[in-house]
């Protein structure tokens, strides 16, 4: 399910206080990046943030699941991205905290670019 334009605009508006966020479409979703580092994806009307081994537990403790999709061979789980709890979208301070943490994790795990 692809991310709607309306939902994408809504999330970008919520993230405005954190600074400029760029978007890029892929496979029906939208990637969100800051300073060239992707820290979130929008799939359907769900926002997923980048996690690592130190932050994943926070999401699972909140009852959230990782991004997944169905293939002919079964369901694939992408444990790098976990859905943001809904209450974080209604609390600007909480959203900033979760987003800043995802940006930190994404920046730490970003693969170096290829030298040409």
N, C-alpha and C. Protein backbone atom coordinates (compact mmCIF):
# COMPACT_ATOMS: atom_id res chain seq x y z
N UNK A 1 0.85 -1.18 0.00
CA UNK A 1 0.00 0.00 0.00
C UNK A 1 0.90 1.24 0.00
N UNK A 2 0.64 2.12 -0.90
CA UNK A 2 1.48 3.31 -1.03
C UNK A 2 1.06 4.40 -0.04
N UNK A 3 2.00 5.23 0.29
CA UNK A 3 1.74 6.35 1.21
C UNK A 3 0.98 7.43 0.45
N UNK A 4 -0.09 7.94 1.04
CA UNK A 4 -0.86 8.99 0.38
C UNK A 4 -0.12 10.33 0.45
N UNK A 5 -0.40 11.17 -0.51
CA UNK A 5 0.19 12.51 -0.53
C UNK A 5 -0.23 13.28 0.71
N UNK A 6 -1.49 13.14 1.10
CA UNK A 6 -2.00 13.86 2.28
C UNK A 6 -1.27 13.44 3.55
N UNK A 7 -1.07 12.12 3.72
CA UNK A 7 -0.38 11.64 4.92
C UNK A 7 1.08 12.08 4.91
N UNK A 8 1.71 12.03 3.75
CA UNK A 8 3.10 12.47 3.63
C UNK A 8 3.22 13.94 4.02
N UNK A 9 2.34 14.78 3.51
CA UNK A 9 2.36 16.21 3.85
C UNK A 9 2.11 16.44 5.34
N UNK A 10 1.20 15.67 5.91
CA UNK A 10 0.90 15.76 7.35
C UNK A 10 2.14 15.45 8.19
N UNK A 11 2.83 14.36 7.86
CA UNK A 11 4.03 13.97 8.61
C UNK A 11 5.13 15.01 8.43
N UNK A 12 5.32 15.51 7.21
CA UNK A 12 6.34 16.53 6.98
C UNK A 12 6.05 17.79 7.79
N UNK A 13 4.78 18.14 7.91
CA UNK A 13 4.41 19.31 8.72
C UNK A 13 4.75 19.07 10.19
N UNK A 14 4.47 17.86 10.68
CA UNK A 14 4.79 17.54 12.07
C UNK A 14 6.29 17.59 12.33
N UNK A 15 7.09 17.23 11.33
CA UNK A 15 8.55 17.18 11.49
C UNK A 15 9.24 18.52 11.21
N UNK A 16 8.50 19.51 10.77
CA UNK A 16 9.07 20.82 10.42
C UNK A 16 9.99 21.39 11.50
N UNK A 17 9.60 21.33 12.81
CA UNK A 17 10.48 21.90 13.84
C UNK A 17 11.86 21.26 13.92
N UNK A 18 12.04 20.09 13.33
CA UNK A 18 13.33 19.40 13.40
C UNK A 18 14.29 19.83 12.30
N UNK A 19 13.81 20.61 11.37
CA UNK A 19 14.65 21.06 10.27
C UNK A 19 14.18 20.47 8.96
N UNK A 20 14.87 20.82 7.87
CA UNK A 20 14.45 20.37 6.54
C UNK A 20 14.50 18.85 6.41
N UNK A 21 13.41 18.29 5.89
CA UNK A 21 13.33 16.86 5.65
C UNK A 21 13.04 16.66 4.17
N UNK A 22 13.81 15.81 3.53
CA UNK A 22 13.60 15.53 2.12
C UNK A 22 12.88 14.19 1.99
N UNK A 23 12.21 14.02 0.85
CA UNK A 23 11.49 12.78 0.60
C UNK A 23 11.96 12.15 -0.70
N UNK A 24 11.76 10.86 -0.77
CA UNK A 24 12.06 10.13 -1.99
C UNK A 24 11.14 8.92 -2.07
N UNK A 25 10.51 8.73 -3.22
CA UNK A 25 9.58 7.61 -3.39
C UNK A 25 10.34 6.33 -3.74
N UNK A 26 9.83 5.20 -3.22
CA UNK A 26 10.38 3.89 -3.55
C UNK A 26 9.32 2.83 -3.29
N UNK A 27 9.16 1.90 -4.17
CA UNK A 27 8.27 0.74 -4.00
C UNK A 27 6.93 1.08 -3.34
N UNK A 28 6.34 2.20 -3.68
CA UNK A 28 5.05 2.57 -3.12
C UNK A 28 5.15 3.31 -1.81
N UNK A 29 6.33 3.43 -1.27
CA UNK A 29 6.52 4.15 -0.01
C UNK A 29 7.25 5.45 -0.23
N UNK A 30 7.50 6.13 0.87
CA UNK A 30 8.23 7.39 0.85
C UNK A 30 9.32 7.32 1.91
N UNK A 31 10.55 7.59 1.51
CA UNK A 31 11.66 7.68 2.45
C UNK A 31 11.80 9.10 2.94
N UNK A 32 12.08 9.28 4.22
CA UNK A 32 12.31 10.59 4.81
C UNK A 32 13.76 10.70 5.24
N UNK A 33 14.42 11.77 4.81
CA UNK A 33 15.84 11.93 5.11
C UNK A 33 16.13 13.34 5.60
N UNK A 34 17.18 13.44 6.36
CA UNK A 34 17.69 14.72 6.82
C UNK A 34 19.19 14.69 6.61
N UNK A 35 19.71 15.74 5.97
CA UNK A 35 21.14 15.82 5.65
C UNK A 35 21.62 14.58 4.89
N UNK A 36 20.77 14.08 3.99
CA UNK A 36 21.15 12.95 3.16
C UNK A 36 21.08 11.59 3.83
N UNK A 37 20.59 11.52 5.06
CA UNK A 37 20.52 10.26 5.78
C UNK A 37 19.04 9.91 6.01
N UNK A 38 18.63 8.76 5.46
CA UNK A 38 17.24 8.33 5.63
C UNK A 38 17.02 7.81 7.04
N UNK A 39 16.03 8.39 7.73
CA UNK A 39 15.75 8.00 9.11
C UNK A 39 14.35 7.44 9.30
N UNK A 40 13.51 7.49 8.26
CA UNK A 40 12.14 7.01 8.38
C UNK A 40 11.58 6.65 7.02
N UNK A 41 10.52 5.83 7.05
CA UNK A 41 9.77 5.54 5.84
C UNK A 41 8.29 5.67 6.15
N UNK A 42 7.54 6.02 5.13
CA UNK A 42 6.08 6.03 5.20
C UNK A 42 5.60 4.93 4.27
N UNK A 43 4.81 4.03 4.79
CA UNK A 43 4.19 2.98 4.00
C UNK A 43 2.72 2.96 4.39
N UNK A 44 1.85 3.06 3.38
CA UNK A 44 0.43 3.21 3.70
C UNK A 44 0.29 4.49 4.51
N UNK A 45 -0.46 4.42 5.56
CA UNK A 45 -0.57 5.57 6.45
C UNK A 45 0.10 5.25 7.78
N UNK A 46 1.30 4.72 7.69
CA UNK A 46 2.09 4.40 8.88
C UNK A 46 3.49 4.99 8.73
N UNK A 47 4.01 5.49 9.85
CA UNK A 47 5.35 6.06 9.91
C UNK A 47 6.25 5.08 10.65
N UNK A 48 7.36 4.73 10.01
CA UNK A 48 8.34 3.81 10.60
C UNK A 48 9.66 4.55 10.75
N UNK A 49 10.27 4.42 11.94
CA UNK A 49 11.57 5.03 12.19
C UNK A 49 12.66 3.96 12.19
N UNK A 50 13.88 4.38 11.85
CA UNK A 50 15.05 3.50 11.90
C UNK A 50 15.34 3.17 13.36
N UNK A 51 15.66 1.90 13.59
CA UNK A 51 16.04 1.45 14.93
C UNK A 51 17.34 0.66 14.83
N UNK A 52 17.92 0.41 15.99
CA UNK A 52 19.07 -0.49 16.07
C UNK A 52 18.88 -1.34 17.32
N UNK A 53 19.89 -2.11 17.67
CA UNK A 53 19.77 -3.00 18.83
C UNK A 53 19.56 -2.24 20.14
N UNK A 54 19.96 -0.98 20.20
CA UNK A 54 19.80 -0.23 21.45
C UNK A 54 18.44 0.45 21.56
N UNK A 55 17.73 0.63 20.44
CA UNK A 55 16.44 1.34 20.49
C UNK A 55 15.24 0.45 20.16
N UNK A 56 15.46 -0.71 19.57
CA UNK A 56 14.36 -1.58 19.15
C UNK A 56 13.44 -1.94 20.31
N UNK A 57 14.01 -2.21 21.47
CA UNK A 57 13.22 -2.62 22.64
C UNK A 57 12.18 -1.57 23.03
N UNK A 58 12.51 -0.30 22.86
CA UNK A 58 11.58 0.78 23.17
C UNK A 58 10.31 0.65 22.34
N UNK A 59 10.46 0.27 21.08
CA UNK A 59 9.32 0.11 20.17
C UNK A 59 8.51 -1.14 20.53
N UNK A 60 9.21 -2.24 20.77
CA UNK A 60 8.49 -3.46 21.11
C UNK A 60 7.78 -3.32 22.46
N UNK A 61 8.39 -2.60 23.40
CA UNK A 61 7.74 -2.37 24.69
C UNK A 61 6.46 -1.54 24.53
N UNK A 62 6.43 -0.70 23.50
CA UNK A 62 5.24 0.11 23.22
C UNK A 62 4.22 -0.66 22.37
N UNK A 63 4.53 -1.94 22.08
CA UNK A 63 3.60 -2.78 21.32
C UNK A 63 3.68 -2.60 19.82
N UNK A 64 4.76 -1.98 19.35
CA UNK A 64 4.90 -1.69 17.92
C UNK A 64 5.63 -2.84 17.23
N UNK A 65 5.40 -2.95 15.93
CA UNK A 65 6.02 -4.01 15.14
C UNK A 65 6.88 -3.41 14.03
N UNK A 66 7.74 -4.26 13.50
CA UNK A 66 8.60 -3.80 12.41
C UNK A 66 7.81 -3.77 11.10
N UNK A 67 8.37 -3.05 10.14
CA UNK A 67 7.79 -3.02 8.81
C UNK A 67 7.90 -4.42 8.22
N UNK A 68 6.86 -4.85 7.54
CA UNK A 68 6.90 -6.15 6.87
C UNK A 68 6.08 -6.08 5.59
N UNK A 69 6.37 -7.00 4.71
CA UNK A 69 5.63 -7.08 3.46
C UNK A 69 5.54 -8.54 3.04
N UNK A 70 4.55 -8.83 2.22
CA UNK A 70 4.28 -10.19 1.79
C UNK A 70 4.86 -10.44 0.40
N UNK A 71 5.53 -11.58 0.26
CA UNK A 71 6.03 -12.02 -1.04
C UNK A 71 5.41 -13.38 -1.34
N UNK A 72 5.69 -13.92 -2.51
CA UNK A 72 5.19 -15.25 -2.86
C UNK A 72 5.73 -16.31 -1.91
N UNK A 73 6.90 -16.06 -1.35
CA UNK A 73 7.53 -17.02 -0.44
C UNK A 73 7.16 -16.79 1.02
N UNK A 74 6.39 -15.75 1.31
CA UNK A 74 5.98 -15.49 2.69
C UNK A 74 6.25 -14.06 3.10
N UNK A 75 6.05 -13.78 4.38
CA UNK A 75 6.21 -12.44 4.93
C UNK A 75 7.67 -12.16 5.23
N UNK A 76 8.12 -10.98 4.81
CA UNK A 76 9.48 -10.52 5.07
C UNK A 76 9.40 -9.42 6.12
N UNK A 77 10.17 -9.55 7.19
CA UNK A 77 10.23 -8.53 8.23
C UNK A 77 11.49 -7.70 8.07
N UNK A 78 11.31 -6.39 8.08
CA UNK A 78 12.43 -5.46 7.96
C UNK A 78 12.64 -4.86 9.35
N UNK A 79 13.50 -5.50 10.13
CA UNK A 79 13.67 -5.12 11.54
C UNK A 79 14.46 -3.82 11.74
N UNK A 80 14.85 -3.19 10.65
CA UNK A 80 15.53 -1.89 10.75
C UNK A 80 14.53 -0.77 10.95
N UNK A 81 13.26 -0.99 10.57
CA UNK A 81 12.22 0.03 10.67
C UNK A 81 11.07 -0.46 11.53
N UNK A 82 10.74 0.32 12.57
CA UNK A 82 9.61 0.00 13.44
C UNK A 82 8.60 1.13 13.40
N UNK A 83 7.32 0.75 13.47
CA UNK A 83 6.25 1.74 13.43
C UNK A 83 6.28 2.60 14.69
N UNK A 84 6.02 3.88 14.49
CA UNK A 84 5.97 4.83 15.59
C UNK A 84 4.64 4.70 16.32
N UNK A 85 4.65 4.70 17.66
CA UNK A 85 3.38 4.66 18.39
C UNK A 85 2.50 5.87 18.04
N UNK A 86 1.21 5.62 17.89
CA UNK A 86 0.27 6.65 17.48
C UNK A 86 0.28 7.86 18.42
N UNK A 87 0.42 7.64 19.73
CA UNK A 87 0.39 8.77 20.66
C UNK A 87 1.56 9.73 20.46
N UNK A 88 2.64 9.24 19.86
CA UNK A 88 3.79 10.12 19.59
C UNK A 88 3.46 11.14 18.49
N UNK A 89 2.50 10.80 17.64
CA UNK A 89 2.11 11.73 16.57
C UNK A 89 1.25 12.88 17.08
N UNK A 90 0.69 12.73 18.27
CA UNK A 90 -0.17 13.78 18.82
C UNK A 90 0.53 14.61 19.89
N UNK A 91 1.77 14.27 20.19
CA UNK A 91 2.54 14.98 21.21
C UNK A 91 3.84 15.47 20.57
N UNK A 92 3.92 16.77 20.21
CA UNK A 92 5.11 17.28 19.51
C UNK A 92 6.43 17.01 20.22
N UNK A 93 6.46 17.12 21.55
CA UNK A 93 7.70 16.88 22.28
C UNK A 93 8.12 15.42 22.17
N UNK A 94 7.16 14.53 22.28
CA UNK A 94 7.44 13.11 22.18
C UNK A 94 7.88 12.75 20.76
N UNK A 95 7.22 13.33 19.76
CA UNK A 95 7.61 13.08 18.36
C UNK A 95 9.04 13.54 18.12
N UNK A 96 9.40 14.70 18.61
CA UNK A 96 10.78 15.20 18.45
C UNK A 96 11.77 14.22 19.07
N UNK A 97 11.45 13.70 20.24
CA UNK A 97 12.34 12.76 20.93
C UNK A 97 12.55 11.49 20.09
N UNK A 98 11.47 10.89 19.62
CA UNK A 98 11.55 9.67 18.82
C UNK A 98 12.29 9.95 17.50
N UNK A 99 11.97 11.06 16.85
CA UNK A 99 12.59 11.40 15.57
C UNK A 99 14.08 11.68 15.73
N UNK A 100 14.46 12.44 16.75
CA UNK A 100 15.88 12.73 16.98
C UNK A 100 16.66 11.44 17.24
N UNK A 101 16.05 10.53 17.97
CA UNK A 101 16.69 9.25 18.25
C UNK A 101 16.88 8.45 16.95
N UNK A 102 15.84 8.45 16.10
CA UNK A 102 15.94 7.73 14.81
C UNK A 102 17.00 8.37 13.92
N UNK A 103 17.09 9.70 13.92
CA UNK A 103 18.11 10.38 13.11
C UNK A 103 19.51 10.04 13.62
N UNK A 104 19.66 9.97 14.93
CA UNK A 104 20.96 9.61 15.51
C UNK A 104 21.34 8.19 15.10
N UNK A 105 20.40 7.25 15.23
CA UNK A 105 20.66 5.86 14.86
C UNK A 105 20.97 5.75 13.37
N UNK A 106 20.19 6.40 12.54
CA UNK A 106 20.40 6.35 11.09
C UNK A 106 21.76 6.91 10.71
N UNK A 107 22.15 8.00 11.35
CA UNK A 107 23.46 8.60 11.06
C UNK A 107 24.60 7.71 11.48
N UNK A 108 24.39 6.97 12.57
CA UNK A 108 25.42 6.08 13.09
C UNK A 108 25.57 4.83 12.22
N UNK A 109 24.49 4.38 11.60
CA UNK A 109 24.52 3.13 10.85
C UNK A 109 24.61 3.35 9.35
N UNK A 110 24.66 4.60 8.90
CA UNK A 110 24.72 4.90 7.45
C UNK A 110 25.99 4.32 6.86
N UNK A 111 25.82 3.63 5.74
CA UNK A 111 26.96 3.07 5.03
C UNK A 111 27.67 4.18 4.28
N UNK A 112 29.00 4.18 4.26
CA UNK A 112 29.72 5.19 3.50
C UNK A 112 29.39 5.09 2.01
N UNK A 113 29.35 6.23 1.34
CA UNK A 113 29.05 6.27 -0.09
C UNK A 113 30.22 5.71 -0.89
N UNK A 114 29.91 5.28 -2.10
CA UNK A 114 30.95 4.74 -2.97
C UNK A 114 31.80 5.88 -3.52
N UNK A 115 33.06 5.64 -3.61
CA UNK A 115 33.99 6.62 -4.19
C UNK A 115 34.02 6.35 -5.69
N UNK A 116 33.87 7.39 -6.48
CA UNK A 116 33.88 7.22 -7.94
C UNK A 116 35.08 7.85 -8.54
